[in-house]
All heavy atoms as atom14 arrays in JSON, in Angstrom:
{
  "sequence": "FRQAPGKKREGVAVNRDDGSTNYADPETGRFTISRDNAKNTLYLQMN",
  "atom14_mask": [
    [1, 1, 1, 1, 1, 1, 1, 1, 1, 1, 1, 0, 0, 0],
    [1, 1, 1, 1, 1, 1, 1, 1, 1, 1, 1, 0, 0, 0],
    [1, 1, 1, 1, 1, 1, 1, 1, 1, 0, 0, 0, 0, 0],
    [1, 1, 1, 1, 1, 0, 0, 0, 0, 0, 0, 0, 0, 0],
    [1, 1, 1, 1, 1, 1, 1, 0, 0, 0, 0, 0, 0, 0],
    [1, 1, 1, 1, 0, 0, 0, 0, 0, 0, 0, 0, 0, 0],
    [1, 1, 1, 1, 1, 1, 1, 1, 1, 0, 0, 0, 0, 0],
    [1, 1, 1, 1, 1, 1, 1, 1, 1, 0, 0, 0, 0, 0],
    [1, 1, 1, 1, 1, 1, 1, 1, 1, 1, 1, 0, 0, 0],
    [1, 1, 1, 1, 1, 1, 1, 1, 1, 0, 0, 0, 0, 0],
    [1, 1, 1, 1, 0, 0, 0, 0, 0, 0, 0, 0, 0, 0],
    [1, 1, 1, 1, 1, 1, 1, 0, 0, 0, 0, 0, 0, 0],
    [1, 1, 1, 1, 1, 0, 0, 0, 0, 0, 0, 0, 0, 0],
    [1, 1, 1, 1, 1, 1, 1, 0, 0, 0, 0, 0, 0, 0],
    [1, 1, 1, 1, 1, 1, 1, 1, 0, 0, 0, 0, 0, 0],
    [1, 1, 1, 1, 1, 1, 1, 1, 1, 1, 1, 0, 0, 0],
    [1, 1, 1, 1, 1, 1, 1, 1, 0, 0, 0, 0, 0, 0],
    [1, 1, 1, 1, 1, 1, 1, 1, 0, 0, 0, 0, 0, 0],
    [1, 1, 1, 1, 0, 0, 0, 0, 0, 0, 0, 0, 0, 0],
    [1, 1, 1, 1, 1, 1, 0, 0, 0, 0, 0, 0, 0, 0],
    [1, 1, 1, 1, 1, 1, 1, 0, 0, 0, 0, 0, 0, 0],
    [1, 1, 1, 1, 1, 1, 1, 1, 0, 0, 0, 0, 0, 0],
    [1, 1, 1, 1, 1, 1, 1, 1, 1, 1, 1, 1, 0, 0],
    [1, 1, 1, 1, 1, 0, 0, 0, 0, 0, 0, 0, 0, 0],
    [1, 1, 1, 1, 1, 1, 1, 1, 0, 0, 0, 0, 0, 0],
    [1, 1, 1, 1, 1, 1, 1, 0, 0, 0, 0, 0, 0, 0],
    [1, 1, 1, 1, 1, 1, 1, 1, 1, 0, 0, 0, 0, 0],
    [1, 1, 1, 1, 1, 1, 1, 0, 0, 0, 0, 0, 0, 0],
    [1, 1, 1, 1, 0, 0, 0, 0, 0, 0, 0, 0, 0, 0],
    [1, 1, 1, 1, 1, 1, 1, 1, 1, 1, 1, 0, 0, 0],
    [1, 1, 1, 1, 1, 1, 1, 1, 1, 1, 1, 0, 0, 0],
    [1, 1, 1, 1, 1, 1, 1, 0, 0, 0, 0, 0, 0, 0],
    [1, 1, 1, 1, 1, 1, 1, 1, 0, 0, 0, 0, 0, 0],
    [1, 1, 1, 1, 1, 1, 0, 0, 0, 0, 0, 0, 0, 0],
    [1, 1, 1, 1, 1, 1, 1, 1, 1, 1, 1, 0, 0, 0],
    [1, 1, 1, 1, 1, 1, 1, 1, 0, 0, 0, 0, 0, 0],
    [1, 1, 1, 1, 1, 1, 1, 1, 0, 0, 0, 0, 0, 0],
    [1, 1, 1, 1, 1, 0, 0, 0, 0, 0, 0, 0, 0, 0],
    [1, 1, 1, 1, 1, 1, 1, 1, 1, 0, 0, 0, 0, 0],
    [1, 1, 1, 1, 1, 1, 1, 1, 0, 0, 0, 0, 0, 0],
    [1, 1, 1, 1, 1, 1, 1, 0, 0, 0, 0, 0, 0, 0],
    [1, 1, 1, 1, 1, 1, 1, 1, 0, 0, 0, 0, 0, 0],
    [1, 1, 1, 1, 1, 1, 1, 1, 1, 1, 1, 1, 0, 0],
    [1, 1, 1, 1, 1, 1, 1, 1, 0, 0, 0, 0, 0, 0],
    [1, 1, 1, 1, 1, 1, 1, 1, 1, 0, 0, 0, 0, 0],
    [1, 1, 1, 1, 1, 1, 1, 1, 0, 0, 0, 0, 0, 0],
    [1, 1, 1, 1, 1, 1, 1, 1, 0, 0, 0, 0, 0, 0]
  ],
  "atom14_positions": [
    [[5.4, -20.23, -2.39], [6.48, -19.3, -2.13], [7.46, -19.96, -1.17], [7.13, -20.94, -0.51], [5.96, -18.01, -1.49], [5.15, -17.14, -2.4], [3.82, -17.43, -2.68], [5.72, -16.02, -2.98], [3.08, -16.63, -3.51], [4.97, -15.2, -3.82], [3.66, -15.51, -4.09], [0.0, 0.0, 0.0], [0.0, 0.0, 0.0], [0.0, 0.0, 0.0]],
    [[8.65, -19.41, -1.09], [9.61, -19.88, -0.1], [10.42, -18.71, 0.43], [10.62, -17.71, -0.25], [10.53, -20.96, -0.66], [11.49, -20.49, -1.75], [12.27, -21.67, -2.3], [13.24, -21.28, -3.3], [13.94, -22.12, -4.04], [13.79, -23.44, -3.88], [14.8, -21.66, -4.94], [0.0, 0.0, 0.0], [0.0, 0.0, 0.0], [0.0, 0.0, 0.0]],
    [[10.88, -18.86, 1.66], [11.69, -17.83, 2.27], [12.77, -18.48, 3.13], [12.46, -19.2, 4.08], [10.84, -16.89, 3.12], [11.6, -15.7, 3.66], [10.68, -14.64, 4.26], [9.56, -14.94, 4.65], [11.15, -13.41, 4.31], [0.0, 0.0, 0.0], [0.0, 0.0, 0.0], [0.0, 0.0, 0.0], [0.0, 0.0, 0.0], [0.0, 0.0, 0.0]],
    [[14.01, -18.21, 2.8], [15.14, -18.69, 3.56], [15.57, -17.6, 4.54], [15.3, -16.41, 4.32], [16.3, -19.06, 2.64], [0.0, 0.0, 0.0], [0.0, 0.0, 0.0], [0.0, 0.0, 0.0], [0.0, 0.0, 0.0], [0.0, 0.0, 0.0], [0.0, 0.0, 0.0], [0.0, 0.0, 0.0], [0.0, 0.0, 0.0], [0.0, 0.0, 0.0]],
    [[16.25, -17.96, 5.63], [16.69, -16.96, 6.59], [17.52, -15.86, 5.93], [18.45, -16.14, 5.17], [17.53, -17.77, 7.58], [16.96, -19.15, 7.51], [16.59, -19.33, 6.06], [0.0, 0.0, 0.0], [0.0, 0.0, 0.0], [0.0, 0.0, 0.0], [0.0, 0.0, 0.0], [0.0, 0.0, 0.0], [0.0, 0.0, 0.0], [0.0, 0.0, 0.0]],
    [[17.17, -14.61, 6.21], [17.89, -13.49, 5.65], [17.57, -13.17, 4.21], [18.17, -12.25, 3.64], [0.0, 0.0, 0.0], [0.0, 0.0, 0.0], [0.0, 0.0, 0.0], [0.0, 0.0, 0.0], [0.0, 0.0, 0.0], [0.0, 0.0, 0.0], [0.0, 0.0, 0.0], [0.0, 0.0, 0.0], [0.0, 0.0, 0.0], [0.0, 0.0, 0.0]],
    [[16.64, -13.89, 3.61], [16.27, -13.68, 2.22], [14.83, -13.2, 2.1], [14.01, -13.42, 2.99], [16.45, -14.96, 1.41], [17.85, -15.53, 1.4], [18.8, -14.63, 0.64], [20.17, -15.27, 0.53], [21.11, -14.41, -0.23], [0.0, 0.0, 0.0], [0.0, 0.0, 0.0], [0.0, 0.0, 0.0], [0.0, 0.0, 0.0], [0.0, 0.0, 0.0]],
    [[14.53, -12.55, 0.99], [13.16, -12.13, 0.71], [12.32, -13.34, 0.3], [12.83, -14.31, -0.24], [13.14, -11.09, -0.4], [13.8, -9.77, -0.05], [13.7, -8.8, -1.22], [14.33, -7.47, -0.88], [14.26, -6.53, -2.03], [0.0, 0.0, 0.0], [0.0, 0.0, 0.0], [0.0, 0.0, 0.0], [0.0, 0.0, 0.0], [0.0, 0.0, 0.0]],
    [[11.04, -13.23, 0.56], [10.12, -14.27, 0.1], [10.07, -14.25, -1.43], [9.94, -13.19, -2.04], [8.73, -14.05, 0.69], [7.74, -15.14, 0.36], [6.44, -14.95, 1.14], [6.66, -15.06, 2.58], [5.69, -14.99, 3.48], [4.43, -14.82, 3.09], [5.97, -15.09, 4.77], [0.0, 0.0, 0.0], [0.0, 0.0, 0.0], [0.0, 0.0, 0.0]],
    [[10.18, -15.42, -2.04], [10.19, -15.5, -3.49], [9.15, -16.5, -3.98], [8.87, -17.51, -3.33], [11.57, -15.89, -4.0], [12.05, -17.26, -3.54], [13.39, -17.65, -4.1], [13.96, -16.89, -4.91], [13.9, -18.74, -3.73], [0.0, 0.0, 0.0], [0.0, 0.0, 0.0], [0.0, 0.0, 0.0], [0.0, 0.0, 0.0], [0.0, 0.0, 0.0]],
    [[8.6, -16.21, -5.13], [7.66, -17.12, -5.75], [8.37, -18.31, -6.36], [9.38, -18.15, -7.04], [0.0, 0.0, 0.0], [0.0, 0.0, 0.0], [0.0, 0.0, 0.0], [0.0, 0.0, 0.0], [0.0, 0.0, 0.0], [0.0, 0.0, 0.0], [0.0, 0.0, 0.0], [0.0, 0.0, 0.0], [0.0, 0.0, 0.0], [0.0, 0.0, 0.0]],
    [[7.84, -19.5, -6.14], [8.41, -20.73, -6.67], [7.62, -21.21, -7.89], [8.21, -21.56, -8.92], [8.45, -21.83, -5.6], [8.94, -23.14, -6.19], [9.31, -21.4, -4.43], [0.0, 0.0, 0.0], [0.0, 0.0, 0.0], [0.0, 0.0, 0.0], [0.0, 0.0, 0.0], [0.0, 0.0, 0.0], [0.0, 0.0, 0.0], [0.0, 0.0, 0.0]],
    [[6.3, -21.23, -7.77], [5.45, -21.69, -8.86], [4.03, -21.19, -8.62], [3.63, -20.96, -7.48], [5.46, -23.22, -8.96], [0.0, 0.0, 0.0], [0.0, 0.0, 0.0], [0.0, 0.0, 0.0], [0.0, 0.0, 0.0], [0.0, 0.0, 0.0], [0.0, 0.0, 0.0], [0.0, 0.0, 0.0], [0.0, 0.0, 0.0], [0.0, 0.0, 0.0]],
    [[3.28, -21.02, -9.7], [1.89, -20.59, -9.6], [1.04, -21.43, -10.55], [1.49, -21.82, -11.63], [1.75, -19.07, -9.91], [2.19, -18.76, -11.34], [0.33, -18.6, -9.67], [0.0, 0.0, 0.0], [0.0, 0.0, 0.0], [0.0, 0.0, 0.0], [0.0, 0.0, 0.0], [0.0, 0.0, 0.0], [0.0, 0.0, 0.0], [0.0, 0.0, 0.0]],
    [[-0.16, -21.72, -10.12], [-1.14, -22.48, -10.89], [-2.45, -21.7, -10.88], [-2.86, -21.18, -9.86], [-1.31, -23.88, -10.28], [-2.47, -24.65, -10.88], [-3.61, -24.52, -10.43], [-2.17, -25.47, -11.88], [0.0, 0.0, 0.0], [0.0, 0.0, 0.0], [0.0, 0.0, 0.0], [0.0, 0.0, 0.0], [0.0, 0.0, 0.0], [0.0, 0.0, 0.0]],
    [[-3.13, -21.63, -12.04], [-4.34, -20.83, -12.17], [-5.48, -21.63, -12.79], [-5.25, -22.66, -13.42], [-4.07, -19.58, -13.03], [-2.83, -18.8, -12.62], [-2.6, -17.61, -13.52], [-1.3, -16.99, -13.27], [-0.18, -17.31, -13.89], [-0.18, -18.24, -14.84], [0.96, -16.7, -13.58], [0.0, 0.0, 0.0], [0.0, 0.0, 0.0], [0.0, 0.0, 0.0]],
    [[-6.69, -21.13, -12.59], [-7.88, -21.81, -13.09], [-7.92, -21.89, -14.62], [-8.62, -22.75, -15.16], [-9.15, -21.12, -12.59], [-9.52, -21.52, -11.17], [-8.81, -22.35, -10.58], [-10.52, -21.0, -10.66], [0.0, 0.0, 0.0], [0.0, 0.0, 0.0], [0.0, 0.0, 0.0], [0.0, 0.0, 0.0], [0.0, 0.0, 0.0], [0.0, 0.0, 0.0]],
    [[-7.22, -20.99, -15.31], [-7.18, -21.06, -16.77], [-6.23, -22.15, -17.27], [-6.03, -22.31, -18.47], [-6.81, -19.71, -17.39], [-5.42, -19.22, -17.01], [-4.67, -19.95, -16.35], [-5.1, -18.07, -17.38], [0.0, 0.0, 0.0], [0.0, 0.0, 0.0], [0.0, 0.0, 0.0], [0.0, 0.0, 0.0], [0.0, 0.0, 0.0], [0.0, 0.0, 0.0]],
    [[-5.63, -22.9, -16.34], [-4.73, -23.98, -16.69], [-3.28, -23.59, -16.82], [-2.42, -24.46, -17.04], [0.0, 0.0, 0.0], [0.0, 0.0, 0.0], [0.0, 0.0, 0.0], [0.0, 0.0, 0.0], [0.0, 0.0, 0.0], [0.0, 0.0, 0.0], [0.0, 0.0, 0.0], [0.0, 0.0, 0.0], [0.0, 0.0, 0.0], [0.0, 0.0, 0.0]],
    [[-2.98, -22.32, -16.7], [-1.62, -21.86, -16.86], [-0.79, -22.11, -15.6], [-1.31, -22.1, -14.49], [-1.57, -20.38, -17.23], [-2.11, -19.58, -16.2], [0.0, 0.0, 0.0], [0.0, 0.0, 0.0], [0.0, 0.0, 0.0], [0.0, 0.0, 0.0], [0.0, 0.0, 0.0], [0.0, 0.0, 0.0], [0.0, 0.0, 0.0], [0.0, 0.0, 0.0]],
    [[0.49, -22.34, -15.79], [1.44, -22.49, -14.71], [2.71, -21.74, -15.06], [3.04, -21.55, -16.23], [1.78, -23.96, -14.44], [2.36, -24.55, -15.61], [0.54, -24.75, -14.06], [0.0, 0.0, 0.0], [0.0, 0.0, 0.0], [0.0, 0.0, 0.0], [0.0, 0.0, 0.0], [0.0, 0.0, 0.0], [0.0, 0.0, 0.0], [0.0, 0.0, 0.0]],
    [[3.43, -21.31, -14.04], [4.72, -20.68, -14.22], [5.64, -21.11, -13.1], [5.2, -21.38, -11.98], [4.61, -19.15, -14.23], [3.85, -18.62, -15.41], [2.7, -18.21, -15.29], [4.49, -18.62, -16.58], [0.0, 0.0, 0.0], [0.0, 0.0, 0.0], [0.0, 0.0, 0.0], [0.0, 0.0, 0.0], [0.0, 0.0, 0.0], [0.0, 0.0, 0.0]],
    [[6.93, -21.16, -13.41], [7.94, -21.56, -12.46], [9.07, -20.55, -12.43], [9.39, -19.94, -13.46], [8.52, -22.93, -12.81], [7.52, -24.05, -12.82], [6.84, -24.39, -13.98], [7.24, -24.76, -11.66], [5.91, -25.41, -13.99], [6.32, -25.79, -11.66], [5.66, -26.11, -12.82], [4.74, -27.13, -12.82], [0.0, 0.0, 0.0], [0.0, 0.0, 0.0]],
    [[9.68, -20.39, -11.27], [10.89, -19.61, -11.19], [11.97, -20.3, -12.02], [12.04, -21.53, -12.04], [11.34, -19.46, -9.74], [0.0, 0.0, 0.0], [0.0, 0.0, 0.0], [0.0, 0.0, 0.0], [0.0, 0.0, 0.0], [0.0, 0.0, 0.0], [0.0, 0.0, 0.0], [0.0, 0.0, 0.0], [0.0, 0.0, 0.0], [0.0, 0.0, 0.0]],
    [[12.81, -19.51, -12.69], [13.79, -20.07, -13.61], [14.65, -21.19, -13.02], [14.84, -22.22, -13.67], [14.68, -18.95, -14.17], [13.95, -18.07, -15.16], [12.89, -18.48, -15.68], [14.45, -16.96, -15.42], [0.0, 0.0, 0.0], [0.0, 0.0, 0.0], [0.0, 0.0, 0.0], [0.0, 0.0, 0.0], [0.0, 0.0, 0.0], [0.0, 0.0, 0.0]],
    [[15.2, -21.0, -11.8], [16.05, -22.07, -11.27], [15.31, -23.37, -10.99], [15.95, -24.42, -10.94], [16.58, -21.47, -9.95], [16.44, -19.99, -10.12], [15.2, -19.81, -10.93], [0.0, 0.0, 0.0], [0.0, 0.0, 0.0], [0.0, 0.0, 0.0], [0.0, 0.0, 0.0], [0.0, 0.0, 0.0], [0.0, 0.0, 0.0], [0.0, 0.0, 0.0]],
    [[14.01, -23.31, -10.83], [13.23, -24.5, -10.48], [12.63, -25.2, -11.69], [12.1, -26.32, -11.57], [12.12, -24.13, -9.5], [12.6, -23.9, -8.08], [13.45, -22.65, -7.96], [12.96, -21.56, -8.31], [14.62, -22.77, -7.53], [0.0, 0.0, 0.0], [0.0, 0.0, 0.0], [0.0, 0.0, 0.0], [0.0, 0.0, 0.0], [0.0, 0.0, 0.0]],
    [[12.67, -24.55, -12.85], [12.1, -25.15, -14.05], [12.76, -26.49, -14.33], [13.97, -26.61, -14.38], [12.28, -24.22, -15.26], [11.62, -22.98, -15.0], [11.7, -24.84, -16.51], [0.0, 0.0, 0.0], [0.0, 0.0, 0.0], [0.0, 0.0, 0.0], [0.0, 0.0, 0.0], [0.0, 0.0, 0.0], [0.0, 0.0, 0.0], [0.0, 0.0, 0.0]],
    [[11.93, -27.52, -14.5], [12.43, -28.86, -14.78], [12.6, -29.72, -13.54], [12.69, -30.94, -13.66], [0.0, 0.0, 0.0], [0.0, 0.0, 0.0], [0.0, 0.0, 0.0], [0.0, 0.0, 0.0], [0.0, 0.0, 0.0], [0.0, 0.0, 0.0], [0.0, 0.0, 0.0], [0.0, 0.0, 0.0], [0.0, 0.0, 0.0], [0.0, 0.0, 0.0]],
    [[12.66, -29.1, -12.36], [12.8, -29.86, -11.13], [11.51, -29.89, -10.31], [11.25, -30.87, -9.62], [13.91, -29.27, -10.25], [15.29, -29.32, -10.87], [16.37, -29.02, -9.82], [16.21, -27.68, -9.25], [16.07, -27.44, -7.94], [16.05, -28.44, -7.07], [15.95, -26.19, -7.51], [0.0, 0.0, 0.0], [0.0, 0.0, 0.0], [0.0, 0.0, 0.0]],
    [[10.74, -28.82, -10.38], [9.52, -28.71, -9.58], [8.29, -28.78, -10.49], [8.32, -28.29, -11.62], [9.48, -27.38, -8.82], [10.5, -27.25, -7.72], [11.45, -28.23, -7.48], [10.5, -26.13, -6.91], [12.38, -28.1, -6.47], [11.42, -25.98, -5.9], [12.37, -26.97, -5.67], [0.0, 0.0, 0.0], [0.0, 0.0, 0.0], [0.0, 0.0, 0.0]],
    [[7.22, -29.36, -9.97], [5.96, -29.42, -10.69], [4.82, -29.02, -9.76], [4.66, -29.61, -8.69], [5.69, -30.83, -11.24], [6.75, -31.23, -12.11], [4.37, -30.85, -12.02], [0.0, 0.0, 0.0], [0.0, 0.0, 0.0], [0.0, 0.0, 0.0], [0.0, 0.0, 0.0], [0.0, 0.0, 0.0], [0.0, 0.0, 0.0], [0.0, 0.0, 0.0]],
    [[4.05, -28.02, -10.16], [2.89, -27.6, -9.39], [1.64, -28.2, -10.03], [1.52, -28.26, -11.25], [2.79, -26.06, -9.3], [1.7, -25.64, -8.31], [2.56, -25.44, -10.67], [1.71, -24.15, -7.99], [0.0, 0.0, 0.0], [0.0, 0.0, 0.0], [0.0, 0.0, 0.0], [0.0, 0.0, 0.0], [0.0, 0.0, 0.0], [0.0, 0.0, 0.0]],
    [[0.71, -28.66, -9.2], [-0.53, -29.22, -9.7], [-1.62, -29.01, -8.67], [-1.35, -28.72, -7.51], [-0.37, -30.72, -10.02], [-0.02, -31.45, -8.86], [0.0, 0.0, 0.0], [0.0, 0.0, 0.0], [0.0, 0.0, 0.0], [0.0, 0.0, 0.0], [0.0, 0.0, 0.0], [0.0, 0.0, 0.0], [0.0, 0.0, 0.0], [0.0, 0.0, 0.0]],
    [[-2.87, -29.15, -9.12], [-4.0, -28.97, -8.22], [-5.01, -30.07, -8.44], [-5.35, -30.41, -9.58], [-4.66, -27.6, -8.46], [-5.61, -27.17, -7.35], [-6.5, -26.02, -7.77], [-5.76, -24.86, -8.25], [-6.34, -23.71, -8.58], [-7.67, -23.58, -8.48], [-5.61, -22.7, -9.02], [0.0, 0.0, 0.0], [0.0, 0.0, 0.0], [0.0, 0.0, 0.0]],
    [[-5.5, -30.65, -7.36], [-6.57, -31.64, -7.38], [-7.81, -30.94, -6.85], [-7.98, -30.79, -5.64], [-6.21, -32.85, -6.54], [-7.25, -33.96, -6.63], [-8.41, -33.68, -6.98], [-6.89, -35.12, -6.34], [0.0, 0.0, 0.0], [0.0, 0.0, 0.0], [0.0, 0.0, 0.0], [0.0, 0.0, 0.0], [0.0, 0.0, 0.0], [0.0, 0.0, 0.0]],
    [[-8.69, -30.51, -7.75], [-9.86, -29.74, -7.34], [-10.84, -30.57, -6.52], [-11.53, -30.03, -5.65], [-10.56, -29.16, -8.56], [-9.8, -28.02, -9.19], [-9.18, -27.22, -8.49], [-9.85, -27.93, -10.51], [0.0, 0.0, 0.0], [0.0, 0.0, 0.0], [0.0, 0.0, 0.0], [0.0, 0.0, 0.0], [0.0, 0.0, 0.0], [0.0, 0.0, 0.0]],
    [[-10.92, -31.87, -6.77], [-11.81, -32.73, -6.01], [-11.42, -32.77, -4.54], [-12.27, -32.92, -3.66], [-11.83, -34.14, -6.59], [0.0, 0.0, 0.0], [0.0, 0.0, 0.0], [0.0, 0.0, 0.0], [0.0, 0.0, 0.0], [0.0, 0.0, 0.0], [0.0, 0.0, 0.0], [0.0, 0.0, 0.0], [0.0, 0.0, 0.0], [0.0, 0.0, 0.0]],
    [[-10.13, -32.65, -4.27], [-9.63, -32.67, -2.9], [-9.29, -31.28, -2.38], [-8.83, -31.14, -1.24], [-8.38, -33.55, -2.81], [-8.64, -35.03, -3.09], [-7.35, -35.82, -2.92], [-7.59, -37.32, -2.99], [-8.09, -37.75, -4.31], [0.0, 0.0, 0.0], [0.0, 0.0, 0.0], [0.0, 0.0, 0.0], [0.0, 0.0, 0.0], [0.0, 0.0, 0.0]],
    [[-9.51, -30.25, -3.2], [-9.16, -28.88, -2.84], [-7.72, -28.79, -2.35], [-7.42, -28.13, -1.35], [-10.11, -28.33, -1.77], [-11.53, -28.22, -2.26], [-12.46, -28.73, -1.64], [-11.72, -27.53, -3.38], [0.0, 0.0, 0.0], [0.0, 0.0, 0.0], [0.0, 0.0, 0.0], [0.0, 0.0, 0.0], [0.0, 0.0, 0.0], [0.0, 0.0, 0.0]],
    [[-6.83, -29.46, -3.08], [-5.45, -29.57, -2.64], [-4.48, -29.15, -3.74], [-4.63, -29.55, -4.9], [-5.12, -31.01, -2.2], [-6.01, -31.39, -1.15], [-3.69, -31.11, -1.71], [0.0, 0.0, 0.0], [0.0, 0.0, 0.0], [0.0, 0.0, 0.0], [0.0, 0.0, 0.0], [0.0, 0.0, 0.0], [0.0, 0.0, 0.0], [0.0, 0.0, 0.0]],
    [[-3.52, -28.33, -3.37], [-2.43, -27.92, -4.24], [-1.18, -28.72, -3.87], [-0.92, -28.94, -2.69], [-2.15, -26.43, -4.08], [-1.06, -25.83, -4.97], [-1.57, -25.65, -6.39], [-0.57, -24.5, -4.4], [0.0, 0.0, 0.0], [0.0, 0.0, 0.0], [0.0, 0.0, 0.0], [0.0, 0.0, 0.0], [0.0, 0.0, 0.0], [0.0, 0.0, 0.0]],
    [[-0.42, -29.12, -4.87], [0.79, -29.9, -4.65], [2.0, -29.21, -5.25], [1.89, -28.47, -6.22], [0.68, -31.3, -5.27], [-0.46, -32.13, -4.74], [-1.65, -32.23, -5.44], [-0.33, -32.83, -3.55], [-2.69, -33.0, -4.96], [-1.37, -33.6, -3.06], [-2.54, -33.69, -3.77], [-3.58, -34.45, -3.29], [0.0, 0.0, 0.0], [0.0, 0.0, 0.0]],
    [[3.14, -29.47, -4.68], [4.41, -29.1, -5.28], [5.33, -30.32, -5.2], [5.79, -30.68, -4.11], [5.05, -27.9, -4.57], [6.36, -27.41, -5.2], [6.08, -26.8, -6.58], [7.06, -26.4, -4.31], [0.0, 0.0, 0.0], [0.0, 0.0, 0.0], [0.0, 0.0, 0.0], [0.0, 0.0, 0.0], [0.0, 0.0, 0.0], [0.0, 0.0, 0.0]],
    [[5.55, -30.95, -6.34], [6.48, -32.06, -6.42], [7.87, -31.5, -6.66], [8.09, -30.8, -7.65], [6.1, -33.02, -7.55], [7.04, -34.2, -7.73], [7.01, -35.15, -6.56], [5.93, -35.53, -6.1], [8.18, -35.54, -6.07], [0.0, 0.0, 0.0], [0.0, 0.0, 0.0], [0.0, 0.0, 0.0], [0.0, 0.0, 0.0], [0.0, 0.0, 0.0]],
    [[8.79, -31.78, -5.77], [10.14, -31.26, -5.84], [11.12, -32.41, -6.01], [11.2, -33.28, -5.14], [10.49, -30.44, -4.6], [9.52, -29.3, -4.33], [10.05, -28.26, -2.94], [9.85, -29.41, -1.59], [0.0, 0.0, 0.0], [0.0, 0.0, 0.0], [0.0, 0.0, 0.0], [0.0, 0.0, 0.0], [0.0, 0.0, 0.0], [0.0, 0.0, 0.0]],
    [[11.84, -32.42, -7.11], [12.82, -33.45, -7.4], [14.21, -32.84, -7.49], [14.36, -31.63, -7.65], [12.48, -34.17, -8.72], [11.15, -34.86, -8.69], [10.74, -35.42, -7.67], [10.45, -34.84, -9.82], [0.0, 0.0, 0.0], [0.0, 0.0, 0.0], [0.0, 0.0, 0.0], [0.0, 0.0, 0.0], [0.0, 0.0, 0.0], [0.0, 0.0, 0.0]]
  ]
}
């Protein structure tokens, strides 16, 4: 999620155990969400 000053908190991307992912429309194509289960780490690559 992200929150800018004076703005509501908004969802950026979600990743689930069923393998599904979703992105907010403006971020589609620029952001990539992924999870490394071995490291228990979630990533957000932002280009």
